[in-house]
Protein backbone atom coordinates (compact mmCIF):
# COMPACT_ATOMS: atom_id res chain seq x y z
CA MET A 1 152.43 104.04 119.05
CA VAL A 2 154.62 107.00 119.98
CA GLY A 3 152.35 107.67 122.93
CA THR A 4 152.78 104.20 124.35
CA LYS A 5 156.53 104.51 124.06
CA ILE A 6 156.81 107.90 125.71
CA LYS A 7 154.55 106.74 128.52
CA LEU A 8 156.73 103.66 129.00
CA LEU A 9 159.83 105.86 129.19
CA ARG A 10 158.16 108.19 131.70
CA VAL A 11 156.96 105.39 133.96
CA LYS A 12 160.23 103.45 133.67
CA ASN A 13 162.12 106.53 134.82
CA GLY A 14 159.72 107.25 137.68
CA TYR A 15 158.49 110.63 136.45
CA SER A 16 155.01 112.05 136.77
CA VAL A 17 153.31 113.80 133.88
CA LYS A 18 153.80 117.08 135.78
CA ASP A 19 157.56 116.43 136.04
CA VAL A 20 157.91 115.88 132.30
CA CYS A 21 155.67 118.81 131.41
CA ALA A 22 157.66 121.17 133.62
CA VAL A 23 160.87 120.29 131.76
CA LEU A 24 159.33 120.28 128.28
CA GLY A 25 157.22 123.39 128.85
CA LEU A 26 153.98 121.67 127.88
CA PRO A 27 150.52 121.75 129.43
CA ASP A 28 149.66 118.48 131.21
CA ARG A 29 146.64 118.01 128.98
CA THR A 30 148.73 118.17 125.81
CA TYR A 31 151.28 115.65 127.05
CA ARG A 32 148.54 113.29 128.22
CA ALA A 33 146.98 113.53 124.74
CA TYR A 34 150.35 112.43 123.29
CA GLU A 35 150.54 109.46 125.66
CA LEU A 36 146.96 108.45 124.87
CA GLY A 37 147.56 108.68 121.12
CA GLU A 38 145.01 111.46 120.71
CA ARG A 39 147.69 113.79 119.32
CA THR A 40 151.06 113.24 117.68
CA PRO A 41 154.05 115.27 118.83
CA SER A 42 156.19 117.05 116.25
CA ILE A 43 159.54 115.53 115.34
CA GLU A 44 161.19 118.40 117.21
CA LEU A 45 159.29 117.51 120.36
CA ILE A 46 160.03 113.81 119.90
CA CYS A 47 163.73 114.69 119.76
CA LYS A 48 163.38 116.84 122.90
CA ILE A 49 161.64 113.97 124.71
CA ALA A 50 164.36 111.54 123.58
CA ASP A 51 167.04 113.92 124.88
CA TYR A 52 165.23 114.20 128.21
CA TYR A 53 165.26 110.42 128.63
CA ASN A 54 168.77 110.15 127.19
CA VAL A 55 167.74 107.83 124.37
CA THR A 56 168.03 108.16 120.62
CA VAL A 57 164.93 108.74 118.58
CA LYS A 58 165.45 105.35 116.98
CA ALA A 59 165.74 103.67 120.40
CA SER A 60 162.65 105.45 121.69
CA ASP A 61 160.83 104.11 118.64
CA HIS A 62 161.21 100.45 119.69
CA SER A 63 159.12 99.25 122.61
CA ASN A 64 161.18 96.06 123.06
CA ASP A 65 164.48 97.86 123.69
CA LYS A 66 165.98 97.09 127.08
CA GLY A 67 167.57 100.57 127.02
């Protein structure tokens, strides 16, 4: 579920996986695994992702937000 939401945020903002990974300091493969739901990011990383997209963690946790 987190993966779907972070992918939605990335696509909505027009970023590539490489763009996001460069800012977050993650390997592409790791971030893709988060988006695919194969891995779950730590709460610290979720907060970092939320900051990057300028959303709250609560807002990034709801796929129906118009944000």
